[in-house]
Amino acid sequence: RQVHRAGTPKFHKRGYIQTYQTSCLYSAKVIVPTMRNGSVRLSDARHLQLPKLGHLRFKGLPPRILDQADDIRIGTTTISMDAVGHYFVSLQMGSEHPFVAKQRVTKSKVGIDLNLDNFLTDSNGQVIANPRYYRMIKGKLAKAQRKLSRRARRAKKSQRRLSASKNYQKQRLLVAKLQFKVANQRKNFLHHVSTALIKNHDLVVAEELRSKNMLRN
């Protein structure tokens, strides 16, 4: 079976971060809608059928979702591309059964305080340091951005569009990858901290504050 026969999506809107949506439709002949019989459907554990795009290879779907494929229906599907050029498919799913198991009761509660010296301090005295991922590449990123600005000025002086300037696009991709790396590091850090808090405590209390106002003072 041929894969990617329709090619990659071509977005008409200008910009480097783009998305479009499509709906999963089920014919009248379908008695029980599942992930395998709609216009958006799983061909197998590694291939997805999408309208207009055809047969695509993918990865990242949790095994528990594949095990429940016959009990899950697909709604809106979003295809997106980030500034680095990575493609993502987001599926809105519905089911009569829960997707995750209920967490055990720990009979524990904790309060957290966000501050500037570290990331947070909880009511038990535990301190979580701020990893400061941006500071690690701040110099490298600034140098790459200055180079990007120079190439933009050269393209403008030569009356060339930035989209047609190969040197500019090559440097833009390098800057985007550096920013993408920091964003992923921050998300990974936040996911680990929040997951640990939720799994170990039944109640987590945090004050409502804005970090921008703290920085001003």
N, C-alpha and C. Protein backbone atom coordinates (compact mmCIF):
# COMPACT_ATOMS: atom_id res chain seq x y z
N ARG A 1 0.84 -1.19 0.00
CA ARG A 1 0.00 0.00 0.00
C ARG A 1 0.88 1.25 0.00
N GLN A 2 0.55 2.20 -0.85
CA GLN A 2 1.35 3.40 -0.96
C GLN A 2 1.06 4.35 0.20
N VAL A 3 2.09 4.92 0.76
CA VAL A 3 1.96 5.84 1.88
C VAL A 3 2.33 7.24 1.42
N HIS A 4 1.65 8.27 1.96
CA HIS A 4 1.91 9.68 1.62
C HIS A 4 1.68 9.95 0.14
N ARG A 5 0.68 9.33 -0.45
CA ARG A 5 0.46 9.53 -1.88
C ARG A 5 -0.07 10.92 -2.20
N ALA A 6 -0.66 11.58 -1.18
CA ALA A 6 -1.18 12.92 -1.41
C ALA A 6 -0.16 14.01 -1.07
N GLY A 7 1.00 13.62 -0.55
CA GLY A 7 2.02 14.60 -0.17
C GLY A 7 1.72 15.25 1.17
N THR A 8 2.54 16.21 1.55
CA THR A 8 2.33 16.93 2.81
C THR A 8 1.33 18.06 2.60
N PRO A 9 0.63 18.50 3.65
CA PRO A 9 -0.37 19.57 3.50
C PRO A 9 0.26 20.86 3.00
N LYS A 10 -0.46 21.56 2.13
CA LYS A 10 -0.03 22.87 1.63
C LYS A 10 -0.96 23.92 2.22
N PHE A 11 -0.44 24.72 3.15
CA PHE A 11 -1.24 25.74 3.80
C PHE A 11 -1.21 27.01 2.96
N HIS A 12 -2.38 27.61 2.72
CA HIS A 12 -2.46 28.80 1.90
C HIS A 12 -2.22 30.08 2.70
N LYS A 13 -2.50 30.02 4.00
CA LYS A 13 -2.29 31.19 4.84
C LYS A 13 -0.80 31.38 5.09
N ARG A 14 -0.35 32.62 5.04
CA ARG A 14 1.06 32.91 5.28
C ARG A 14 1.40 32.75 6.75
N GLY A 15 2.62 32.33 7.00
CA GLY A 15 3.07 32.13 8.37
C GLY A 15 3.73 30.78 8.51
N TYR A 16 4.40 30.58 9.63
CA TYR A 16 5.16 29.36 9.84
C TYR A 16 4.46 28.39 10.78
N ILE A 17 3.47 28.86 11.54
CA ILE A 17 2.69 27.99 12.41
C ILE A 17 1.26 27.98 11.88
N GLN A 18 0.82 26.86 11.35
CA GLN A 18 -0.46 26.82 10.68
C GLN A 18 -1.24 25.56 11.04
N THR A 19 -2.57 25.65 10.96
CA THR A 19 -3.43 24.51 11.27
C THR A 19 -4.64 24.51 10.34
N TYR A 20 -5.22 23.35 10.18
CA TYR A 20 -6.53 23.28 9.56
C TYR A 20 -7.28 22.09 10.15
N GLN A 21 -8.60 22.15 10.07
CA GLN A 21 -9.44 21.14 10.71
C GLN A 21 -10.32 20.43 9.69
N THR A 22 -10.66 19.20 10.00
CA THR A 22 -11.59 18.43 9.20
C THR A 22 -12.44 17.59 10.15
N SER A 23 -13.64 17.27 9.74
CA SER A 23 -14.55 16.49 10.58
C SER A 23 -14.56 15.04 10.14
N CYS A 24 -14.71 14.16 11.10
CA CYS A 24 -14.84 12.73 10.81
C CYS A 24 -16.31 12.43 10.56
N LEU A 25 -16.64 11.99 9.35
CA LEU A 25 -18.02 11.71 8.97
C LEU A 25 -18.25 10.20 8.92
N TYR A 26 -19.43 9.80 9.37
CA TYR A 26 -19.82 8.39 9.34
C TYR A 26 -21.03 8.24 8.42
N SER A 27 -20.98 7.25 7.56
CA SER A 27 -22.09 7.02 6.63
C SER A 27 -23.29 6.44 7.37
N ALA A 28 -24.44 6.51 6.73
CA ALA A 28 -25.68 6.01 7.34
C ALA A 28 -25.64 4.51 7.54
N LYS A 29 -24.77 3.82 6.81
CA LYS A 29 -24.68 2.37 6.91
C LYS A 29 -23.94 1.93 8.18
N VAL A 30 -23.19 2.86 8.78
CA VAL A 30 -22.42 2.53 9.98
C VAL A 30 -23.35 2.48 11.18
N ILE A 31 -23.43 1.34 11.82
CA ILE A 31 -24.31 1.16 12.98
C ILE A 31 -23.64 1.67 14.25
N VAL A 32 -22.38 1.28 14.46
CA VAL A 32 -21.62 1.70 15.64
C VAL A 32 -20.38 2.46 15.18
N PRO A 33 -20.33 3.79 15.35
CA PRO A 33 -19.14 4.55 14.96
C PRO A 33 -17.92 4.16 15.80
N THR A 34 -16.81 3.91 15.14
CA THR A 34 -15.56 3.58 15.84
C THR A 34 -14.42 4.34 15.17
N MET A 35 -13.21 4.06 15.62
CA MET A 35 -12.04 4.70 15.03
C MET A 35 -11.64 4.04 13.71
N ARG A 36 -12.38 3.04 13.28
CA ARG A 36 -11.98 2.28 12.10
C ARG A 36 -12.96 2.39 10.93
N ASN A 37 -14.08 3.11 11.09
CA ASN A 37 -15.08 3.10 10.01
C ASN A 37 -15.58 4.49 9.63
N GLY A 38 -14.84 5.56 9.96
CA GLY A 38 -15.23 6.91 9.58
C GLY A 38 -14.36 7.45 8.46
N SER A 39 -14.61 8.69 8.06
CA SER A 39 -13.78 9.31 7.03
C SER A 39 -12.36 9.54 7.54
N VAL A 40 -12.22 9.73 8.87
CA VAL A 40 -10.91 9.73 9.53
C VAL A 40 -10.84 8.43 10.31
N ARG A 41 -9.92 7.57 9.98
CA ARG A 41 -9.91 6.23 10.60
C ARG A 41 -8.51 5.67 10.69
N LEU A 42 -8.36 4.74 11.62
CA LEU A 42 -7.11 4.01 11.78
C LEU A 42 -7.09 2.83 10.80
N SER A 43 -6.05 2.78 9.98
CA SER A 43 -5.88 1.61 9.11
C SER A 43 -5.25 0.48 9.89
N ASP A 44 -4.27 0.84 10.73
CA ASP A 44 -3.63 -0.11 11.65
C ASP A 44 -2.98 0.71 12.75
N ALA A 45 -2.09 0.09 13.53
CA ALA A 45 -1.50 0.78 14.67
C ALA A 45 -0.56 1.92 14.29
N ARG A 46 -0.17 2.02 13.03
CA ARG A 46 0.80 3.02 12.61
C ARG A 46 0.35 3.85 11.42
N HIS A 47 -0.88 3.66 10.93
CA HIS A 47 -1.33 4.39 9.76
C HIS A 47 -2.72 4.96 9.98
N LEU A 48 -2.91 6.19 9.48
CA LEU A 48 -4.16 6.91 9.64
C LEU A 48 -4.66 7.38 8.28
N GLN A 49 -5.94 7.21 8.03
CA GLN A 49 -6.55 7.66 6.79
C GLN A 49 -7.23 9.00 7.02
N LEU A 50 -6.84 10.03 6.24
CA LEU A 50 -7.40 11.36 6.37
C LEU A 50 -8.01 11.82 5.05
N PRO A 51 -9.12 12.57 5.09
CA PRO A 51 -9.68 13.10 3.84
C PRO A 51 -8.68 14.00 3.11
N LYS A 52 -8.58 13.86 1.81
CA LYS A 52 -7.73 14.65 0.92
C LYS A 52 -6.24 14.31 1.05
N LEU A 53 -5.77 14.01 2.26
CA LEU A 53 -4.36 13.69 2.46
C LEU A 53 -4.06 12.23 2.20
N GLY A 54 -5.05 11.38 2.40
CA GLY A 54 -4.85 9.97 2.13
C GLY A 54 -4.28 9.19 3.30
N HIS A 55 -3.42 8.23 2.97
CA HIS A 55 -2.88 7.27 3.93
C HIS A 55 -1.58 7.81 4.51
N LEU A 56 -1.56 8.13 5.83
CA LEU A 56 -0.39 8.73 6.47
C LEU A 56 0.16 7.83 7.57
N ARG A 57 1.47 7.83 7.70
CA ARG A 57 2.12 7.11 8.79
C ARG A 57 2.24 8.05 9.98
N PHE A 58 1.98 7.55 11.18
CA PHE A 58 2.06 8.37 12.37
C PHE A 58 2.62 7.56 13.53
N LYS A 59 2.92 8.27 14.62
CA LYS A 59 3.36 7.61 15.85
C LYS A 59 2.93 8.48 17.03
N GLY A 60 2.87 7.85 18.21
CA GLY A 60 2.56 8.61 19.41
C GLY A 60 1.22 8.31 20.02
N LEU A 61 0.38 7.49 19.38
CA LEU A 61 -0.92 7.17 19.97
C LEU A 61 -0.74 6.16 21.09
N PRO A 62 -1.26 6.44 22.30
CA PRO A 62 -1.07 5.53 23.44
C PRO A 62 -1.65 4.15 23.16
N PRO A 63 -1.00 3.09 23.62
CA PRO A 63 -1.51 1.72 23.39
C PRO A 63 -2.92 1.51 23.92
N ARG A 64 -3.27 2.17 25.04
CA ARG A 64 -4.61 1.98 25.62
C ARG A 64 -5.69 2.49 24.67
N ILE A 65 -5.38 3.52 23.86
CA ILE A 65 -6.34 4.02 22.89
C ILE A 65 -6.55 3.01 21.77
N LEU A 66 -5.46 2.37 21.34
CA LEU A 66 -5.57 1.35 20.30
C LEU A 66 -6.38 0.16 20.80
N ASP A 67 -6.24 -0.17 22.08
CA ASP A 67 -7.00 -1.29 22.64
C ASP A 67 -8.50 -0.99 22.70
N GLN A 68 -8.85 0.30 22.81
CA GLN A 68 -10.25 0.71 22.91
C GLN A 68 -10.79 1.23 21.58
N ALA A 69 -10.07 0.99 20.48
CA ALA A 69 -10.42 1.60 19.19
C ALA A 69 -11.85 1.32 18.77
N ASP A 70 -12.38 0.15 19.10
CA ASP A 70 -13.74 -0.22 18.68
C ASP A 70 -14.81 0.43 19.56
N ASP A 71 -14.40 1.08 20.66
CA ASP A 71 -15.35 1.76 21.54
C ASP A 71 -15.23 3.28 21.46
N ILE A 72 -14.36 3.78 20.58
CA ILE A 72 -14.09 5.22 20.50
C ILE A 72 -14.52 5.75 19.13
N ARG A 73 -15.15 6.89 19.14
CA ARG A 73 -15.51 7.57 17.89
C ARG A 73 -14.68 8.85 17.77
N ILE A 74 -14.40 9.22 16.54
CA ILE A 74 -13.56 10.39 16.27
C ILE A 74 -14.44 11.57 15.87
N GLY A 75 -14.15 12.75 16.40
CA GLY A 75 -14.88 13.96 16.05
C GLY A 75 -14.05 14.85 15.14
N THR A 76 -13.72 16.03 15.64
CA THR A 76 -12.93 16.98 14.86
C THR A 76 -11.46 16.57 14.86
N THR A 77 -10.83 16.65 13.70
CA THR A 77 -9.42 16.33 13.55
C THR A 77 -8.66 17.58 13.12
N THR A 78 -7.59 17.90 13.83
CA THR A 78 -6.79 19.09 13.53
C THR A 78 -5.41 18.68 13.07
N ILE A 79 -5.00 19.16 11.90
CA ILE A 79 -3.65 18.91 11.38
C ILE A 79 -2.89 20.23 11.48
N SER A 80 -1.73 20.21 12.11
CA SER A 80 -0.97 21.44 12.33
C SER A 80 0.50 21.25 11.98
N MET A 81 1.14 22.37 11.69
CA MET A 81 2.57 22.39 11.41
C MET A 81 3.20 23.49 12.25
N ASP A 82 4.28 23.18 12.98
CA ASP A 82 4.92 24.20 13.79
C ASP A 82 6.00 24.92 12.99
N ALA A 83 6.68 25.86 13.65
CA ALA A 83 7.66 26.69 12.95
C ALA A 83 8.88 25.91 12.48
N VAL A 84 9.11 24.74 13.07
CA VAL A 84 10.26 23.92 12.70
C VAL A 84 9.94 23.03 11.49
N GLY A 85 8.65 22.83 11.22
CA GLY A 85 8.25 22.00 10.10
C GLY A 85 7.76 20.63 10.51
N HIS A 86 7.47 20.44 11.81
CA HIS A 86 6.92 19.18 12.29
C HIS A 86 5.39 19.18 12.11
N TYR A 87 4.87 18.04 11.70
CA TYR A 87 3.42 17.91 11.52
C TYR A 87 2.81 17.13 12.68
N PHE A 88 1.62 17.56 13.10
CA PHE A 88 0.91 16.90 14.20
C PHE A 88 -0.55 16.69 13.81
N VAL A 89 -1.11 15.59 14.29
CA VAL A 89 -2.53 15.31 14.11
C VAL A 89 -3.16 15.20 15.49
N SER A 90 -4.18 16.03 15.74
CA SER A 90 -4.89 16.02 17.02
C SER A 90 -6.30 15.51 16.77
N LEU A 91 -6.69 14.44 17.48
CA LEU A 91 -7.99 13.81 17.30
C LEU A 91 -8.89 14.09 18.50
N GLN A 92 -10.07 14.62 18.25
CA GLN A 92 -11.07 14.78 19.31
C GLN A 92 -11.85 13.47 19.40
N MET A 93 -11.80 12.82 20.55
CA MET A 93 -12.38 11.48 20.69
C MET A 93 -13.51 11.47 21.71
N GLY A 94 -14.42 10.54 21.52
CA GLY A 94 -15.51 10.35 22.46
C GLY A 94 -15.74 8.87 22.72
N SER A 95 -16.11 8.54 23.94
CA SER A 95 -16.32 7.15 24.30
C SER A 95 -17.25 7.06 25.50
N GLU A 96 -17.93 5.94 25.63
CA GLU A 96 -18.78 5.70 26.79
C GLU A 96 -17.96 5.27 28.01
N HIS A 97 -16.70 4.92 27.79
CA HIS A 97 -15.83 4.47 28.87
C HIS A 97 -14.71 5.49 29.10
N PRO A 98 -14.24 5.65 30.32
CA PRO A 98 -13.17 6.63 30.59
C PRO A 98 -11.86 6.24 29.92
N PHE A 99 -11.09 7.25 29.54
CA PHE A 99 -9.81 7.01 28.88
C PHE A 99 -8.69 6.73 29.89
N VAL A 100 -8.85 7.21 31.11
CA VAL A 100 -7.81 7.03 32.12
C VAL A 100 -8.42 6.39 33.36
N ALA A 101 -7.58 5.72 34.13
CA ALA A 101 -8.05 5.09 35.37
C ALA A 101 -8.12 6.12 36.49
N LYS A 102 -9.01 5.90 37.44
CA LYS A 102 -9.17 6.80 38.56
C LYS A 102 -7.96 6.71 39.48
N GLN A 103 -7.48 7.87 39.92
CA GLN A 103 -6.31 7.91 40.79
C GLN A 103 -6.66 7.41 42.19
N ARG A 104 -5.67 6.82 42.84
CA ARG A 104 -5.87 6.34 44.21
C ARG A 104 -5.97 7.51 45.18
N VAL A 105 -6.66 7.32 46.25
CA VAL A 105 -6.83 8.36 47.27
C VAL A 105 -5.60 8.34 48.19
N THR A 106 -4.94 9.49 48.32
CA THR A 106 -3.72 9.56 49.14
C THR A 106 -3.97 10.19 50.50
N LYS A 107 -5.14 10.87 50.64
CA LYS A 107 -5.47 11.57 51.90
C LYS A 107 -4.37 12.57 52.26
N SER A 108 -3.88 13.24 51.25
CA SER A 108 -2.81 14.22 51.45
C SER A 108 -3.18 15.51 50.72
N LYS A 109 -2.79 16.63 51.28
CA LYS A 109 -3.01 17.93 50.65
C LYS A 109 -1.76 18.78 50.80
N VAL A 110 -1.58 19.71 49.87
CA VAL A 110 -0.37 20.52 49.86
C VAL A 110 -0.69 21.89 49.27
N GLY A 111 0.02 22.87 49.76
CA GLY A 111 -0.07 24.22 49.21
C GLY A 111 1.24 24.59 48.56
N ILE A 112 1.19 25.28 47.44
CA ILE A 112 2.42 25.65 46.73
C ILE A 112 2.49 27.16 46.58
N ASP A 113 3.71 27.69 46.65
CA ASP A 113 3.95 29.12 46.53
C ASP A 113 4.96 29.34 45.42
N LEU A 114 4.56 30.05 44.38
CA LEU A 114 5.46 30.37 43.27
C LEU A 114 6.22 31.65 43.61
N ASN A 115 7.51 31.67 43.33
CA ASN A 115 8.31 32.85 43.62
C ASN A 115 9.40 33.02 42.56
N LEU A 116 10.25 34.00 42.75
CA LEU A 116 11.27 34.32 41.76
C LEU A 116 12.60 33.64 42.05
N ASP A 117 12.90 33.36 43.32
CA ASP A 117 14.17 32.74 43.66
C ASP A 117 14.25 31.30 43.17
N ASN A 118 13.11 30.60 43.22
CA ASN A 118 13.05 29.24 42.72
C ASN A 118 11.69 29.05 42.04
N PHE A 119 11.44 27.86 41.52
CA PHE A 119 10.17 27.66 40.82
C PHE A 119 8.99 27.65 41.78
N LEU A 120 9.07 26.82 42.83
CA LEU A 120 8.01 26.81 43.84
C LEU A 120 8.53 26.25 45.15
N THR A 121 7.80 26.59 46.20
CA THR A 121 8.04 26.03 47.54
C THR A 121 6.70 25.54 48.06
N ASP A 122 6.65 24.27 48.52
CA ASP A 122 5.37 23.75 49.01
C ASP A 122 5.27 23.89 50.52
N SER A 123 4.08 23.58 51.03
CA SER A 123 3.82 23.75 52.46
C SER A 123 4.59 22.76 53.32
N ASN A 124 5.19 21.73 52.71
CA ASN A 124 6.00 20.77 53.46
C ASN A 124 7.47 21.19 53.52
N GLY A 125 7.79 22.34 52.93
CA GLY A 125 9.16 22.83 52.95
C GLY A 125 10.00 22.38 51.77
N GLN A 126 9.44 21.62 50.85
CA GLN A 126 10.19 21.17 49.68
C GLN A 126 10.33 22.31 48.68
N VAL A 127 11.54 22.49 48.18
CA VAL A 127 11.82 23.56 47.22
C VAL A 127 12.20 22.94 45.88
N ILE A 128 11.57 23.42 44.82
CA ILE A 128 11.89 22.98 43.46
C ILE A 128 12.56 24.14 42.75
N ALA A 129 13.79 23.94 42.33
CA ALA A 129 14.56 25.00 41.69
C ALA A 129 14.05 25.30 40.30
N ASN A 130 14.27 26.53 39.88
CA ASN A 130 13.92 26.93 38.52
C ASN A 130 15.04 26.50 37.57
N PRO A 131 14.75 25.66 36.57
CA PRO A 131 15.83 25.16 35.71
C PRO A 131 16.46 26.22 34.82
N ARG A 132 15.73 27.29 34.49
CA ARG A 132 16.26 28.39 33.68
C ARG A 132 16.87 27.90 32.36
N TYR A 133 16.07 27.20 31.58
CA TYR A 133 16.56 26.66 30.31
C TYR A 133 16.93 27.76 29.32
N TYR A 134 16.19 28.87 29.36
CA TYR A 134 16.45 29.94 28.40
C TYR A 134 17.83 30.54 28.61
N ARG A 135 18.25 30.68 29.86
CA ARG A 135 19.55 31.29 30.14
C ARG A 135 20.71 30.45 29.59
N MET A 136 20.48 29.14 29.47
CA MET A 136 21.54 28.26 28.99
C MET A 136 21.89 28.52 27.52
N ILE A 137 20.91 28.95 26.73
CA ILE A 137 21.17 29.17 25.30
C ILE A 137 20.97 30.64 24.91
N LYS A 138 20.87 31.52 25.91
CA LYS A 138 20.59 32.92 25.63
C LYS A 138 21.63 33.54 24.70
N GLY A 139 22.90 33.29 24.96
CA GLY A 139 23.95 33.85 24.11
C GLY A 139 23.92 33.27 22.71
N LYS A 140 23.76 31.97 22.62
CA LYS A 140 23.71 31.30 21.31
C LYS A 140 22.50 31.76 20.50
N LEU A 141 21.36 31.93 21.19
CA LEU A 141 20.16 32.37 20.50
C LEU A 141 20.28 33.81 20.02
N ALA A 142 20.87 34.68 20.84
CA ALA A 142 21.04 36.08 20.45
C ALA A 142 21.95 36.19 19.22
N LYS A 143 23.01 35.40 19.19
CA LYS A 143 23.92 35.40 18.04
C LYS A 143 23.20 34.93 16.78
N ALA A 144 22.38 33.89 16.92
CA ALA A 144 21.64 33.36 15.77
C ALA A 144 20.60 34.36 15.28
N GLN A 145 19.96 35.10 16.20
CA GLN A 145 18.96 36.09 15.81
C GLN A 145 19.59 37.31 15.13
N ARG A 146 20.79 37.70 15.56
CA ARG A 146 21.48 38.79 14.88
C ARG A 146 21.83 38.40 13.45
N LYS A 147 22.26 37.17 13.27
CA LYS A 147 22.57 36.67 11.94
C LYS A 147 21.32 36.63 11.07
N LEU A 148 20.19 36.26 11.69
CA LEU A 148 18.93 36.23 10.97
C LEU A 148 18.53 37.64 10.52
N SER A 149 18.73 38.63 11.37
CA SER A 149 18.41 40.02 11.02
C SER A 149 19.26 40.52 9.87
N ARG A 150 20.55 40.16 9.88
CA ARG A 150 21.43 40.58 8.78
C ARG A 150 20.97 39.99 7.46
N ARG A 151 20.59 38.73 7.47
CA ARG A 151 20.13 38.09 6.24
C ARG A 151 18.80 38.66 5.77
N ALA A 152 17.97 39.09 6.71
CA ALA A 152 16.72 39.74 6.34
C ALA A 152 16.99 41.08 5.66
N ARG A 153 17.95 41.84 6.18
CA ARG A 153 18.30 43.13 5.58
C ARG A 153 18.89 42.94 4.18
N ARG A 154 19.71 41.91 4.02
CA ARG A 154 20.29 41.64 2.71
C ARG A 154 19.21 41.29 1.70
N ALA A 155 18.26 40.48 2.12
CA ALA A 155 17.18 40.09 1.21
C ALA A 155 16.33 41.31 0.83
N LYS A 156 16.08 42.18 1.80
CA LYS A 156 15.30 43.39 1.53
C LYS A 156 16.05 44.33 0.61
N LYS A 157 17.36 44.43 0.81
CA LYS A 157 18.18 45.30 -0.04
C LYS A 157 18.22 44.79 -1.47
N SER A 158 18.20 43.47 -1.63
CA SER A 158 18.21 42.86 -2.96
C SER A 158 16.81 42.74 -3.55
N GLN A 159 15.81 43.26 -2.81
CA GLN A 159 14.41 43.22 -3.24
C GLN A 159 13.93 41.78 -3.48
N ARG A 160 14.32 40.91 -2.55
CA ARG A 160 13.87 39.52 -2.59
C ARG A 160 12.93 39.25 -1.43
N ARG A 161 11.91 38.47 -1.67
CA ARG A 161 11.01 38.09 -0.60
C ARG A 161 11.73 37.14 0.36
N LEU A 162 11.39 37.23 1.63
CA LEU A 162 12.04 36.37 2.62
C LEU A 162 11.71 34.90 2.36
N SER A 163 10.51 34.63 1.85
CA SER A 163 10.13 33.26 1.56
C SER A 163 10.95 32.66 0.42
N ALA A 164 11.55 33.53 -0.42
CA ALA A 164 12.35 33.05 -1.55
C ALA A 164 13.85 33.10 -1.26
N SER A 165 14.22 33.61 -0.07
CA SER A 165 15.63 33.70 0.30
C SER A 165 16.05 32.43 1.04
N LYS A 166 16.86 31.60 0.42
CA LYS A 166 17.25 30.32 1.01
C LYS A 166 18.10 30.52 2.26
N ASN A 167 19.01 31.50 2.22
CA ASN A 167 19.88 31.74 3.38
C ASN A 167 19.06 32.21 4.59
N TYR A 168 18.07 33.07 4.32
CA TYR A 168 17.22 33.54 5.42
C TYR A 168 16.41 32.38 6.00
N GLN A 169 15.82 31.56 5.14
CA GLN A 169 15.00 30.45 5.62
C GLN A 169 15.83 29.42 6.38
N LYS A 170 17.07 29.22 5.94
CA LYS A 170 17.96 28.29 6.64
C LYS A 170 18.26 28.79 8.04
N GLN A 171 18.53 30.09 8.17
CA GLN A 171 18.82 30.65 9.48
C GLN A 171 17.57 30.75 10.34
N ARG A 172 16.42 31.03 9.72
CA ARG A 172 15.16 31.09 10.47
C ARG A 172 14.85 29.73 11.10
N LEU A 173 15.13 28.67 10.36
CA LEU A 173 14.89 27.33 10.87
C LEU A 173 15.80 27.02 12.06
N LEU A 174 17.04 27.50 12.00
CA LEU A 174 17.98 27.31 13.11
C LEU A 174 17.49 28.01 14.36
N VAL A 175 17.02 29.26 14.22
CA VAL A 175 16.49 30.01 15.37
C VAL A 175 15.24 29.33 15.92
N ALA A 176 14.38 28.87 15.03
CA ALA A 176 13.15 28.20 15.46
C ALA A 176 13.45 26.92 16.23
N LYS A 177 14.49 26.18 15.83
CA LYS A 177 14.85 24.95 16.52
C LYS A 177 15.37 25.24 17.92
N LEU A 178 16.14 26.33 18.09
CA LEU A 178 16.62 26.70 19.42
C LEU A 178 15.46 27.05 20.33
N GLN A 179 14.50 27.84 19.82
CA GLN A 179 13.34 28.22 20.62
C GLN A 179 12.45 27.01 20.89
N PHE A 180 12.36 26.10 19.92
CA PHE A 180 11.56 24.90 20.06
C PHE A 180 12.14 23.99 21.16
N LYS A 181 13.47 23.94 21.23
CA LYS A 181 14.13 23.12 22.24
C LYS A 181 13.82 23.63 23.64
N VAL A 182 13.89 24.95 23.84
CA VAL A 182 13.60 25.53 25.16
C VAL A 182 12.14 25.32 25.52
N ALA A 183 11.24 25.49 24.55
CA ALA A 183 9.82 25.29 24.81
C ALA A 183 9.53 23.85 25.24
N ASN A 184 10.16 22.89 24.58
CA ASN A 184 9.97 21.48 24.93
C ASN A 184 10.54 21.17 26.31
N GLN A 185 11.68 21.76 26.64
CA GLN A 185 12.27 21.54 27.96
C GLN A 185 11.36 22.08 29.06
N ARG A 186 10.78 23.25 28.83
CA ARG A 186 9.87 23.84 29.82
C ARG A 186 8.61 22.99 29.99
N LYS A 187 8.04 22.54 28.87
CA LYS A 187 6.84 21.71 28.94
C LYS A 187 7.12 20.41 29.68
N ASN A 188 8.26 19.79 29.38
CA ASN A 188 8.62 18.54 30.03
C ASN A 188 8.79 18.74 31.53
N PHE A 189 9.43 19.83 31.93
CA PHE A 189 9.62 20.14 33.35
C PHE A 189 8.27 20.36 34.04
N LEU A 190 7.38 21.12 33.42
CA LEU A 190 6.08 21.40 34.02
C LEU A 190 5.23 20.14 34.13
N HIS A 191 5.29 19.28 33.12
CA HIS A 191 4.53 18.04 33.16
C HIS A 191 5.01 17.13 34.29
N HIS A 192 6.33 17.05 34.48
CA HIS A 192 6.86 16.20 35.55
C HIS A 192 6.45 16.73 36.93
N VAL A 193 6.55 18.05 37.13
CA VAL A 193 6.20 18.64 38.42
C VAL A 193 4.71 18.49 38.70
N SER A 194 3.87 18.84 37.72
CA SER A 194 2.42 18.77 37.93
C SER A 194 1.95 17.33 38.12
N THR A 195 2.53 16.38 37.38
CA THR A 195 2.15 14.97 37.54
C THR A 195 2.50 14.45 38.92
N ALA A 196 3.69 14.83 39.42
CA ALA A 196 4.11 14.40 40.75
C ALA A 196 3.17 14.96 41.83
N LEU A 197 2.76 16.23 41.68
CA LEU A 197 1.86 16.84 42.66
C LEU A 197 0.49 16.16 42.65
N ILE A 198 -0.02 15.88 41.46
CA ILE A 198 -1.36 15.29 41.36
C ILE A 198 -1.38 13.85 41.87
N LYS A 199 -0.34 13.08 41.57
CA LYS A 199 -0.31 11.68 41.98
C LYS A 199 -0.12 11.51 43.49
N ASN A 200 0.55 12.45 44.11
CA ASN A 200 0.88 12.31 45.53
C ASN A 200 -0.04 13.07 46.48
N HIS A 201 -0.97 13.86 45.92
CA HIS A 201 -1.85 14.66 46.78
C HIS A 201 -3.26 14.68 46.20
N ASP A 202 -4.25 14.67 47.10
CA ASP A 202 -5.65 14.77 46.68
C ASP A 202 -6.06 16.22 46.44
N LEU A 203 -5.40 17.14 47.13
CA LEU A 203 -5.73 18.56 47.02
C LEU A 203 -4.45 19.37 46.88
N VAL A 204 -4.40 20.19 45.85
CA VAL A 204 -3.26 21.09 45.63
C VAL A 204 -3.80 22.51 45.59
N VAL A 205 -3.29 23.37 46.46
CA VAL A 205 -3.77 24.75 46.57
C VAL A 205 -2.64 25.69 46.18
N ALA A 206 -2.95 26.65 45.31
CA ALA A 206 -1.96 27.64 44.89
C ALA A 206 -2.60 29.01 44.89
N GLU A 207 -1.83 30.02 45.26
CA GLU A 207 -2.36 31.37 45.25
C GLU A 207 -2.46 31.88 43.81
N GLU A 208 -3.40 32.76 43.58
CA GLU A 208 -3.57 33.33 42.25
C GLU A 208 -2.69 34.57 42.13
N LEU A 209 -1.74 34.50 41.25
CA LEU A 209 -0.83 35.65 41.06
C LEU A 209 -0.35 35.68 39.62
N ARG A 210 0.21 36.81 39.26
CA ARG A 210 0.76 36.99 37.92
C ARG A 210 2.26 37.21 38.04
N SER A 211 3.02 36.37 37.35
CA SER A 211 4.48 36.46 37.46
C SER A 211 5.00 37.78 36.89
N LYS A 212 4.30 38.36 35.92
CA LYS A 212 4.74 39.65 35.34
C LYS A 212 4.71 40.75 36.38
N ASN A 213 3.68 40.73 37.24
CA ASN A 213 3.60 41.75 38.29
C ASN A 213 4.70 41.57 39.32
N MET A 214 5.10 40.32 39.58
CA MET A 214 6.19 40.06 40.52
C MET A 214 7.50 40.59 39.96
N LEU A 215 7.70 40.43 38.66
CA LEU A 215 8.94 40.89 38.04
C LEU A 215 9.04 42.41 38.04
N ARG A 216 7.89 43.09 37.93
CA ARG A 216 7.90 44.55 37.95
C ARG A 216 8.35 45.11 39.28
N ASN A 217 8.06 44.36 40.35
CA ASN A 217 8.42 44.84 41.68
C ASN A 217 9.80 44.37 42.11
